[in-house]
Amino acid sequence: MPYAETNHTAVLLPLLPGDGYTARLLMIGPEGSHRITLDTSDPGNPPVWQPTAVRDWPGEPPLRKHGGAVLLPTGEVFLAGGIDSTEDTGLPDAAAVLEGETYQPGIDWDSGGYGASESWTTTARATVPRNYHSVALLLPNGLVLTAGSNLDGSEGGDDVKEYRIETFSPPYDGDPRRPEILQAPSPLGYGETFQILTADAARIQRVALMRCGSVTHAWDGDQRYVGLEFANPADGVLEAVAPPTGGVAPPGPYLLWIVDDGDRPCTLAPFLLLG
């Protein structure tokens, strides 16, 4: 698949222990939405880009130039903002994509790997266009912050900057049944077994570390979802195993998430330092 532009976004899909932490990428580019599995174990079957499932859109899905892709604690990807323009020059705010999209990458949580059906869902409209130099970041409460932008993609100083901030609320926001983490460690070493205290331990189905993001030019190269192996050895206690190496999870700050059997992440993810 040719890729000759730098104003489209891509994201590393969740890395899961049941999948051998195999790297998979989603890209929203000039030729639509594609994904690739970076598995080189079979030299006769090298990785290739494949179209994703059809996006949930009434017509031709938008390009989202300079849009953002945010990993959610549920393992989904939220797409925010961007400009739907095929012109080589110019990024008019009039062509802004205000609706968001949520991508379910086909994770079978029962088996801990991929293999389920992908799906796309269009979400509610934002108020503010997000163009060149915009930001979309996951917050510790599970909401997504969207901010910034240059008006009509213009270069310049304060007179072309967008100062309004919005948040996207995923379906789990406001659900009173979301679990709560009472205590968790920091710092954390590679391969270390550690405890998470939560009154909701018996109904937790997933534990994950999510690396804190840093966005520039429609790319968030830092964000990463790393699933963890875990057990429930006693009432109110989870025992999880930290990622094995820095190749799976580079050292640095992460948010610790637990997700229950209703696909509800914890109300507030604590920060911890890995490494």
C-alpha atoms as a PDB file:
ATOM      1  CA  MET A   1       0.000   0.000   0.000  1.00  0.00           C
ATOM      2  CA  PRO A   2       1.639   3.290  -1.052  1.00  0.00           C
ATOM      3  CA  TYR A   3       2.039   5.861   1.692  1.00  0.00           C
ATOM      4  CA  ALA A   4       3.276   9.241   0.541  1.00  0.00           C
ATOM      5  CA  GLU A   5       1.879  11.704   3.071  1.00  0.00           C
ATOM      6  CA  THR A   6       2.672  12.659   6.654  1.00  0.00           C
ATOM      7  CA  ASN A   7      -0.641  14.101   7.834  1.00  0.00           C
ATOM      8  CA  HIS A   8      -2.505  10.851   8.517  1.00  0.00           C
ATOM      9  CA  THR A   9      -2.493   8.878  11.736  1.00  0.00           C
ATOM     10  CA  ALA A  10      -1.585   5.368  12.844  1.00  0.00           C
ATOM     11  CA  VAL A  11      -1.625   3.543  16.157  1.00  0.00           C
ATOM     12  CA  LEU A  12      -0.114   0.403  17.679  1.00  0.00           C
ATOM     13  CA  LEU A  13      -3.013  -1.875  18.609  1.00  0.00           C
ATOM     14  CA  PRO A  14      -3.134  -3.538  22.062  1.00  0.00           C
ATOM     15  CA  LEU A  15      -0.230  -5.864  22.857  1.00  0.00           C
ATOM     16  CA  LEU A  16      -1.560  -8.982  24.579  1.00  0.00           C
ATOM     17  CA  PRO A  17       0.289 -11.768  26.440  1.00  0.00           C
ATOM     18  CA  GLY A  18      -2.084 -14.395  25.008  1.00  0.00           C
ATOM     19  CA  ASP A  19      -1.011 -13.230  21.542  1.00  0.00           C
ATOM     20  CA  GLY A  20       2.702 -13.315  22.346  1.00  0.00           C
ATOM     21  CA  TYR A  21       2.698  -9.497  22.409  1.00  0.00           C
ATOM     22  CA  THR A  22       2.605  -9.530  18.595  1.00  0.00           C
ATOM     23  CA  ALA A  23       2.656  -5.996  17.164  1.00  0.00           C
ATOM     24  CA  ARG A  24      -0.334  -4.928  15.040  1.00  0.00           C
ATOM     25  CA  LEU A  25      -0.894  -1.508  13.519  1.00  0.00           C
ATOM     26  CA  LEU A  26      -3.970   0.415  12.383  1.00  0.00           C
ATOM     27  CA  MET A  27      -3.544   3.247   9.877  1.00  0.00           C
ATOM     28  CA  ILE A  28      -6.091   5.728   8.529  1.00  0.00           C
ATOM     29  CA  GLY A  29      -4.418   6.882   5.333  1.00  0.00           C
ATOM     30  CA  PRO A  30      -5.110   8.297   1.863  1.00  0.00           C
ATOM     31  CA  GLU A  31      -6.369   4.904   0.690  1.00  0.00           C
ATOM     32  CA  GLY A  32      -8.677   4.252   3.638  1.00  0.00           C
ATOM     33  CA  SER A  33      -8.269   2.223   6.821  1.00  0.00           C
ATOM     34  CA  HIS A  34      -5.761  -0.631   6.880  1.00  0.00           C
ATOM     35  CA  ARG A  35      -4.044  -2.847   9.430  1.00  0.00           C
ATOM     36  CA  ILE A  36      -0.986  -5.054   9.492  1.00  0.00           C
ATOM     37  CA  THR A  37       0.294  -7.825  11.780  1.00  0.00           C
ATOM     38  CA  LEU A  38       4.078  -7.668  12.187  1.00  0.00           C
ATOM     39  CA  ASP A  39       4.607 -11.416  12.522  1.00  0.00           C
ATOM     40  CA  THR A  40       7.789 -12.521  10.728  1.00  0.00           C
ATOM     41  CA  SER A  41       7.840 -16.107  12.022  1.00  0.00           C
ATOM     42  CA  ASP A  42       6.917 -17.482   8.561  1.00  0.00           C
ATOM     43  CA  PRO A  43       9.348 -16.180   5.866  1.00  0.00           C
ATOM     44  CA  GLY A  44       7.011 -17.459   3.162  1.00  0.00           C
ATOM     45  CA  ASN A  45       4.146 -15.357   4.473  1.00  0.00           C
ATOM     46  CA  PRO A  46       5.499 -11.842   5.116  1.00  0.00           C
ATOM     47  CA  PRO A  47       3.348  -9.144   6.742  1.00  0.00           C
ATOM     48  CA  VAL A  48       1.060  -7.244   4.360  1.00  0.00           C
ATOM     49  CA  TRP A  49      -1.397  -4.401   4.826  1.00  0.00           C
ATOM     50  CA  GLN A  50      -5.040  -5.490   4.756  1.00  0.00           C
ATOM     51  CA  PRO A  51      -8.196  -3.341   4.605  1.00  0.00           C
ATOM     52  CA  THR A  52     -10.126  -3.238   7.846  1.00  0.00           C
ATOM     53  CA  ALA A  53     -13.825  -3.935   8.166  1.00  0.00           C
ATOM     54  CA  VAL A  54     -16.065  -1.324   6.534  1.00  0.00           C
ATOM     55  CA  ARG A  55     -16.325   1.861   8.577  1.00  0.00           C
ATOM     56  CA  ASP A  56     -19.725   2.858   9.958  1.00  0.00           C
ATOM     57  CA  TRP A  57     -20.316   5.848   7.698  1.00  0.00           C
ATOM     58  CA  PRO A  58     -23.276   6.808   5.458  1.00  0.00           C
ATOM     59  CA  GLY A  59     -21.045   7.581   2.477  1.00  0.00           C
ATOM     60  CA  GLU A  60     -17.328   7.600   1.728  1.00  0.00           C
ATOM     61  CA  PRO A  61     -15.489   7.596   5.086  1.00  0.00           C
ATOM     62  CA  PRO A  62     -13.494  10.779   5.779  1.00  0.00           C
ATOM     63  CA  LEU A  63      -9.741  11.055   5.406  1.00  0.00           C
ATOM     64  CA  ARG A  64      -9.125  12.676   8.826  1.00  0.00           C
ATOM     65  CA  LYS A  65      -5.947  14.527   7.850  1.00  0.00           C
ATOM     66  CA  HIS A  66      -4.264  15.587  11.108  1.00  0.00           C
ATOM     67  CA  GLY A  67      -6.820  13.640  13.149  1.00  0.00           C
ATOM     68  CA  GLY A  68      -5.925  11.747  16.304  1.00  0.00           C
ATOM     69  CA  ALA A  69      -6.098   8.070  17.321  1.00  0.00           C
ATOM     70  CA  VAL A  70      -6.444   7.288  21.031  1.00  0.00           C
ATOM     71  CA  LEU A  71      -6.276   3.858  22.654  1.00  0.00           C
ATOM     72  CA  LEU A  72      -9.063   3.346  25.188  1.00  0.00           C
ATOM     73  CA  PRO A  73      -8.767   1.119  28.287  1.00  0.00           C
ATOM     74  CA  THR A  74     -11.363  -1.199  26.710  1.00  0.00           C
ATOM     75  CA  GLY A  75      -8.832  -2.006  23.946  1.00  0.00           C
ATOM     76  CA  GLU A  76     -10.728   0.019  21.357  1.00  0.00           C
ATOM     77  CA  VAL A  77      -9.338   2.931  19.325  1.00  0.00           C
ATOM     78  CA  PHE A  78     -11.082   6.311  19.308  1.00  0.00           C
ATOM     79  CA  LEU A  79     -10.525   8.496  16.235  1.00  0.00           C
ATOM     80  CA  ALA A  80     -10.994  12.225  16.730  1.00  0.00           C
ATOM     81  CA  GLY A  81     -10.981  15.254  14.478  1.00  0.00           C
ATOM     82  CA  GLY A  82      -9.086  15.801  11.261  1.00  0.00           C
ATOM     83  CA  ILE A  83      -9.924  17.358   7.912  1.00  0.00           C
ATOM     84  CA  ASP A  84     -11.678  15.560   5.055  1.00  0.00           C
ATOM     85  CA  SER A  85      -9.884  17.167   2.125  1.00  0.00           C
ATOM     86  CA  THR A  86      -8.278  15.629  -0.954  1.00  0.00           C
ATOM     87  CA  GLU A  87      -6.498  18.839  -1.908  1.00  0.00           C
ATOM     88  CA  ASP A  88      -2.705  18.784  -1.956  1.00  0.00           C
ATOM     89  CA  THR A  89      -2.621  22.182  -0.250  1.00  0.00           C
ATOM     90  CA  GLY A  90      -4.982  23.793   2.236  1.00  0.00           C
ATOM     91  CA  LEU A  91      -6.786  22.349   5.234  1.00  0.00           C
ATOM     92  CA  PRO A  92     -10.036  24.321   5.560  1.00  0.00           C
ATOM     93  CA  ASP A  93     -11.861  24.059   8.880  1.00  0.00           C
ATOM     94  CA  ALA A  94     -15.052  23.961   6.808  1.00  0.00           C
ATOM     95  CA  ALA A  95     -14.045  20.396   5.864  1.00  0.00           C
ATOM     96  CA  ALA A  96     -13.502  19.342   9.484  1.00  0.00           C
ATOM     97  CA  VAL A  97     -14.641  15.874  10.601  1.00  0.00           C
ATOM     98  CA  LEU A  98     -16.632  16.526  13.778  1.00  0.00           C
ATOM     99  CA  GLU A  99     -17.950  12.995  14.340  1.00  0.00           C
ATOM    100  CA  GLY A 100     -15.663  10.590  16.143  1.00  0.00           C
ATOM    101  CA  GLU A 101     -15.204   6.893  15.373  1.00  0.00           C
ATOM    102  CA  THR A 102     -14.531   3.936  17.641  1.00  0.00           C
ATOM    103  CA  TYR A 103     -12.717   0.907  16.221  1.00  0.00           C
ATOM    104  CA  GLN A 104     -12.975  -2.537  17.844  1.00  0.00           C
ATOM    105  CA  PRO A 105      -9.872  -4.370  16.562  1.00  0.00           C
ATOM    106  CA  GLY A 106     -11.275  -7.890  16.870  1.00  0.00           C
ATOM    107  CA  ILE A 107      -9.915  -8.960  20.246  1.00  0.00           C
ATOM    108  CA  ASP A 108     -11.314 -12.176  21.717  1.00  0.00           C
ATOM    109  CA  TRP A 109     -10.935 -11.397  25.416  1.00  0.00           C
ATOM    110  CA  ASP A 110     -11.904 -14.948  26.428  1.00  0.00           C
ATOM    111  CA  SER A 111      -8.864 -16.371  24.636  1.00  0.00           C
ATOM    112  CA  GLY A 112      -6.670 -13.338  25.248  1.00  0.00           C
ATOM    113  CA  GLY A 113      -5.813 -12.859  21.572  1.00  0.00           C
ATOM    114  CA  TYR A 114      -7.105 -11.639  18.261  1.00  0.00           C
ATOM    115  CA  GLY A 115      -9.569 -13.471  16.047  1.00  0.00           C
ATOM    116  CA  ALA A 116     -12.964 -11.895  16.752  1.00  0.00           C
ATOM    117  CA  SER A 117     -14.736  -9.666  14.235  1.00  0.00           C
ATOM    118  CA  GLU A 118     -13.645  -6.064  13.793  1.00  0.00           C
ATOM    119  CA  SER A 119     -16.239  -3.303  13.944  1.00  0.00           C
ATOM    120  CA  TRP A 120     -16.553   0.472  13.623  1.00  0.00           C
ATOM    121  CA  THR A 121     -19.003   2.784  15.398  1.00  0.00           C
ATOM    122  CA  THR A 122     -19.571   6.463  14.622  1.00  0.00           C
ATOM    123  CA  THR A 123     -19.883   8.605  17.756  1.00  0.00           C
ATOM    124  CA  ALA A 124     -21.396  11.983  18.627  1.00  0.00           C
ATOM    125  CA  ARG A 125     -20.187  15.182  16.964  1.00  0.00           C
ATOM    126  CA  ALA A 126     -17.668  17.473  18.563  1.00  0.00           C
ATOM    127  CA  THR A 127     -18.135  21.245  18.576  1.00  0.00           C
ATOM    128  CA  VAL A 128     -14.610  22.384  17.689  1.00  0.00           C
ATOM    129  CA  PRO A 129     -12.743  21.494  14.454  1.00  0.00           C
ATOM    130  CA  ARG A 130      -9.402  19.828  15.122  1.00  0.00           C
ATOM    131  CA  ASN A 131      -6.839  20.565  12.450  1.00  0.00           C
ATOM    132  CA  TYR A 132      -3.047  20.850  12.153  1.00  0.00           C
ATOM    133  CA  HIS A 133      -1.334  20.801  15.591  1.00  0.00           C
ATOM    134  CA  SER A 134      -4.332  19.371  17.449  1.00  0.00           C
ATOM    135  CA  VAL A 135      -4.092  16.909  20.350  1.00  0.00           C
ATOM    136  CA  ALA A 136      -6.158  13.955  21.571  1.00  0.00           C
ATOM    137  CA  LEU A 137      -5.105  12.228  24.813  1.00  0.00           C
ATOM    138  CA  LEU A 138      -6.531   9.626  27.197  1.00  0.00           C
ATOM    139  CA  LEU A 139      -7.184  10.982  30.694  1.00  0.00           C
ATOM    140  CA  PRO A 140      -6.842   8.948  33.941  1.00  0.00           C
ATOM    141  CA  ASN A 141     -10.645   8.908  34.322  1.00  0.00           C
ATOM    142  CA  GLY A 142     -11.085   7.252  30.909  1.00  0.00           C
ATOM    143  CA  LEU A 143     -12.284  10.332  29.028  1.00  0.00           C
ATOM    144  CA  VAL A 144     -10.446  11.665  25.972  1.00  0.00           C
ATOM    145  CA  LEU A 145      -9.224  15.266  25.928  1.00  0.00           C
ATOM    146  CA  THR A 146      -9.200  17.048  22.556  1.00  0.00           C
ATOM    147  CA  ALA A 147      -7.450  20.390  22.290  1.00  0.00           C
ATOM    148  CA  GLY A 148      -5.404  22.697  20.097  1.00  0.00           C
ATOM    149  CA  SER A 149      -5.479  23.240  16.329  1.00  0.00           C
ATOM    150  CA  ASN A 150      -4.335  25.875  13.859  1.00  0.00           C
ATOM    151  CA  LEU A 151      -7.281  27.631  12.221  1.00  0.00           C
ATOM    152  CA  ASP A 152      -7.594  26.373   8.640  1.00  0.00           C
ATOM    153  CA  GLY A 153      -4.259  24.625   9.137  1.00  0.00           C
ATOM    154  CA  SER A 154      -2.469  27.972   8.960  1.00  0.00           C
ATOM    155  CA  GLU A 155       1.046  28.666  10.137  1.00  0.00           C
ATOM    156  CA  GLY A 156       1.521  31.539  12.552  1.00  0.00           C
ATOM    157  CA  GLY A 157       1.281  32.709  16.127  1.00  0.00           C
ATOM    158  CA  ASP A 158      -1.473  33.236  18.655  1.00  0.00           C
ATOM    159  CA  ASP A 159      -3.910  34.665  16.106  1.00  0.00           C
ATOM    160  CA  VAL A 160      -4.344  31.264  14.394  1.00  0.00           C
ATOM    161  CA  LYS A 161      -4.459  29.116  17.547  1.00  0.00           C
ATOM    162  CA  GLU A 162      -7.537  27.292  18.875  1.00  0.00           C
ATOM    163  CA  TYR A 163      -7.833  27.552  22.674  1.00  0.00           C
ATOM    164  CA  ARG A 164     -11.103  25.720  23.300  1.00  0.00           C
ATOM    165  CA  ILE A 165     -10.910  22.262  24.926  1.00  0.00           C
ATOM    166  CA  GLU A 166     -13.435  19.427  24.754  1.00  0.00           C
ATOM    167  CA  THR A 167     -13.676  15.911  26.160  1.00  0.00           C
ATOM    168  CA  PHE A 168     -15.122  12.786  24.572  1.00  0.00           C
ATOM    169  CA  SER A 169     -17.089  10.529  26.948  1.00  0.00           C
ATOM    170  CA  PRO A 170     -17.018   6.806  26.022  1.00  0.00           C
ATOM    171  CA  PRO A 171     -20.127   4.737  26.839  1.00  0.00           C
ATOM    172  CA  TYR A 172     -18.697   3.647  30.200  1.00  0.00           C
ATOM    173  CA  ASP A 173     -18.501   7.238  31.475  1.00  0.00           C
ATOM    174  CA  GLY A 174     -20.946   7.810  34.311  1.00  0.00           C
ATOM    175  CA  ASP A 175     -21.677   4.106  34.842  1.00  0.00           C
ATOM    176  CA  PRO A 176     -21.925   3.638  38.641  1.00  0.00           C
ATOM    177  CA  ARG A 177     -20.735   0.041  38.330  1.00  0.00           C
ATOM    178  CA  ARG A 178     -17.217   0.947  37.184  1.00  0.00           C
ATOM    179  CA  PRO A 179     -14.603  -0.745  39.404  1.00  0.00           C
ATOM    180  CA  GLU A 180     -12.217   1.161  41.646  1.00  0.00           C
ATOM    181  CA  ILE A 181      -8.537   0.613  42.414  1.00  0.00           C
ATOM    182  CA  LEU A 182      -7.842   1.088  46.117  1.00  0.00           C
ATOM    183  CA  GLN A 183      -4.087   0.504  46.091  1.00  0.00           C
ATOM    184  CA  ALA A 184      -1.373  -0.216  43.511  1.00  0.00           C
ATOM    185  CA  PRO A 185       2.443  -0.083  43.518  1.00  0.00           C
ATOM    186  CA  SER A 186       4.922   2.304  41.958  1.00  0.00           C
ATOM    187  CA  PRO A 187       7.651   1.910  40.780  1.00  0.00           C
ATOM    188  CA  LEU A 188       7.417  -1.473  39.072  1.00  0.00           C
ATOM    189  CA  GLY A 189      10.149  -3.693  37.625  1.00  0.00           C
ATOM    190  CA  TYR A 190      10.027  -5.880  34.513  1.00  0.00           C
ATOM    191  CA  GLY A 191       8.562  -9.328  35.129  1.00  0.00           C
ATOM    192  CA  GLU A 192       7.645  -8.375  38.689  1.00  0.00           C
ATOM    193  CA  THR A 193       4.520  -9.866  40.284  1.00  0.00           C
ATOM    194  CA  PHE A 194       2.554  -7.156  42.067  1.00  0.00           C
ATOM    195  CA  GLN A 195      -0.755  -6.720  43.868  1.00  0.00           C
ATOM    196  CA  ILE A 196      -3.720  -4.495  43.084  1.00  0.00           C
ATOM    197  CA  LEU A 197      -6.280  -3.992  45.836  1.00  0.00           C
ATOM    198  CA  THR A 198      -9.877  -3.573  44.678  1.00  0.00           C
ATOM    199  CA  ALA A 199     -13.228  -4.552  46.148  1.00  0.00           C
ATOM    200  CA  ASP A 200     -14.220  -5.550  42.610  1.00  0.00           C
ATOM    201  CA  ALA A 201     -11.476  -8.177  42.142  1.00  0.00           C
ATOM    202  CA  ALA A 202     -13.867 -11.089  41.544  1.00  0.00           C
ATOM    203  CA  ARG A 203     -15.373  -9.488  38.415  1.00  0.00           C
ATOM    204  CA  ILE A 204     -12.198  -8.111  36.826  1.00  0.00           C
ATOM    205  CA  GLN A 205     -11.450  -9.658  33.435  1.00  0.00           C
ATOM    206  CA  ARG A 206      -8.522  -7.565  32.177  1.00  0.00           C
ATOM    207  CA  VAL A 207      -5.540  -5.716  33.592  1.00  0.00           C
ATOM    208  CA  ALA A 208      -3.430  -3.427  31.417  1.00  0.00           C
ATOM    209  CA  LEU A 209      -0.711  -0.817  31.514  1.00  0.00           C
ATOM    210  CA  MET A 210      -1.227   2.119  29.160  1.00  0.00           C
ATOM    211  CA  ARG A 211       1.754   4.316  28.423  1.00  0.00           C
ATOM    212  CA  CYS A 212       1.151   8.049  28.731  1.00  0.00           C
ATOM    213  CA  GLY A 213       0.802   9.698  25.338  1.00  0.00           C
ATOM    214  CA  SER A 214       2.583  12.603  23.640  1.00  0.00           C
ATOM    215  CA  VAL A 215       1.125  13.969  20.420  1.00  0.00           C
ATOM    216  CA  THR A 216       2.577  15.904  17.502  1.00  0.00           C
ATOM    217  CA  HIS A 217       1.419  16.294  13.899  1.00  0.00           C
ATOM    218  CA  ALA A 218      -1.402  13.707  14.110  1.00  0.00           C
ATOM    219  CA  TRP A 219       0.870  11.095  15.709  1.00  0.00           C
ATOM    220  CA  ASP A 220       1.040   9.783  19.255  1.00  0.00           C
ATOM    221  CA  GLY A 221       4.157   7.683  19.173  1.00  0.00           C
ATOM    222  CA  ASP A 222       4.251   7.102  22.932  1.00  0.00           C
ATOM    223  CA  GLN A 223       0.826   5.622  23.716  1.00  0.00           C
ATOM    224  CA  ARG A 224       0.808   1.855  24.133  1.00  0.00           C
ATOM    225  CA  TYR A 225      -1.642  -0.702  25.546  1.00  0.00           C
ATOM    226  CA  VAL A 226       0.087  -3.640  27.235  1.00  0.00           C
ATOM    227  CA  GLY A 227      -2.165  -6.392  28.578  1.00  0.00           C
ATOM    228  CA  LEU A 228      -0.995  -8.228  31.702  1.00  0.00           C
ATOM    229  CA  GLU A 229      -1.415 -11.756  32.996  1.00  0.00           C
ATOM    230  CA  PHE A 230      -3.162 -11.766  36.367  1.00  0.00           C
ATOM    231  CA  ALA A 231      -4.976 -13.880  38.962  1.00  0.00           C
ATOM    232  CA  ASN A 232      -7.472 -13.352  41.790  1.00  0.00           C
ATOM    233  CA  PRO A 233      -5.847 -15.230  44.722  1.00  0.00           C
ATOM    234  CA  ALA A 234      -7.973 -13.722  47.499  1.00  0.00           C
ATOM    235  CA  ASP A 235     -10.965 -11.493  48.130  1.00  0.00           C
ATOM    236  CA  GLY A 236     -10.185  -7.943  47.079  1.00  0.00           C
ATOM    237  CA  VAL A 237      -6.778  -8.826  45.642  1.00  0.00           C
ATOM    238  CA  LEU A 238      -5.443  -9.127  42.103  1.00  0.00           C
ATOM    239  CA  GLU A 239      -1.929 -10.406  41.391  1.00  0.00           C
ATOM    240  CA  ALA A 240      -0.575  -9.219  38.044  1.00  0.00           C
ATOM    241  CA  VAL A 241       2.726  -9.743  36.243  1.00  0.00           C
ATOM    242  CA  ALA A 242       4.533  -6.717  34.819  1.00  0.00           C
ATOM    243  CA  PRO A 243       5.627  -6.762  31.138  1.00  0.00           C
ATOM    244  CA  PRO A 244       8.680  -8.931  30.503  1.00  0.00           C
ATOM    245  CA  THR A 245      11.001  -6.442  28.785  1.00  0.00           C
ATOM    246  CA  GLY A 246      11.415  -2.896  27.567  1.00  0.00           C
ATOM    247  CA  GLY A 247      10.839  -4.180  24.059  1.00  0.00           C
ATOM    248  CA  VAL A 248       7.224  -4.835  24.986  1.00  0.00           C
ATOM    249  CA  ALA A 249       6.811  -1.816  27.264  1.00  0.00           C
ATOM    250  CA  PRO A 250       9.522   0.881  27.210  1.00  0.00           C
ATOM    251  CA  PRO A 251      10.429   2.290  30.632  1.00  0.00           C
ATOM    252  CA  GLY A 252       8.519   5.325  31.820  1.00  0.00           C
ATOM    253  CA  PRO A 253       5.156   6.445  33.217  1.00  0.00           C
ATOM    254  CA  TYR A 254       2.030   4.354  32.664  1.00  0.00           C
ATOM    255  CA  LEU A 255      -1.600   4.306  33.751  1.00  0.00           C
ATOM    256  CA  LEU A 256      -2.765   1.078  35.413  1.00  0.00           C
ATOM    257  CA  TRP A 257      -6.229  -0.050  34.296  1.00  0.00           C
ATOM    258  CA  ILE A 258      -8.545  -2.820  35.415  1.00  0.00           C
ATOM    259  CA  VAL A 259     -11.628  -3.685  33.322  1.00  0.00           C
ATOM    260  CA  ASP A 260     -14.594  -5.684  34.606  1.00  0.00           C
ATOM    261  CA  ASP A 261     -16.886  -8.275  33.027  1.00  0.00           C
ATOM    262  CA  GLY A 262     -19.168  -5.525  31.710  1.00  0.00           C
ATOM    263  CA  ASP A 263     -16.335  -3.876  29.718  1.00  0.00           C
ATOM    264  CA  ARG A 264     -16.167  -1.082  32.303  1.00  0.00           C
ATOM    265  CA  PRO A 265     -12.714   0.312  33.167  1.00  0.00           C
ATOM    266  CA  CYS A 266     -11.882   1.605  36.636  1.00  0.00           C
ATOM    267  CA  THR A 267     -13.041   5.061  37.639  1.00  0.00           C
ATOM    268  CA  LEU A 268      -9.505   6.382  38.003  1.00  0.00           C
ATOM    269  CA  ALA A 269      -6.285   4.763  36.777  1.00  0.00           C
ATOM    270  CA  PRO A 270      -3.254   5.387  39.018  1.00  0.00           C
ATOM    271  CA  PHE A 271       0.102   6.374  37.525  1.00  0.00           C
ATOM    272  CA  LEU A 272       3.069   4.086  38.009  1.00  0.00           C
ATOM    273  CA  LEU A 273       6.664   4.137  36.835  1.00  0.00           C
ATOM    274  CA  LEU A 274       7.824   1.052  34.923  1.00  0.00           C
ATOM    275  CA  GLY A 275      11.455   0.091  34.679  1.00  0.00           C
END
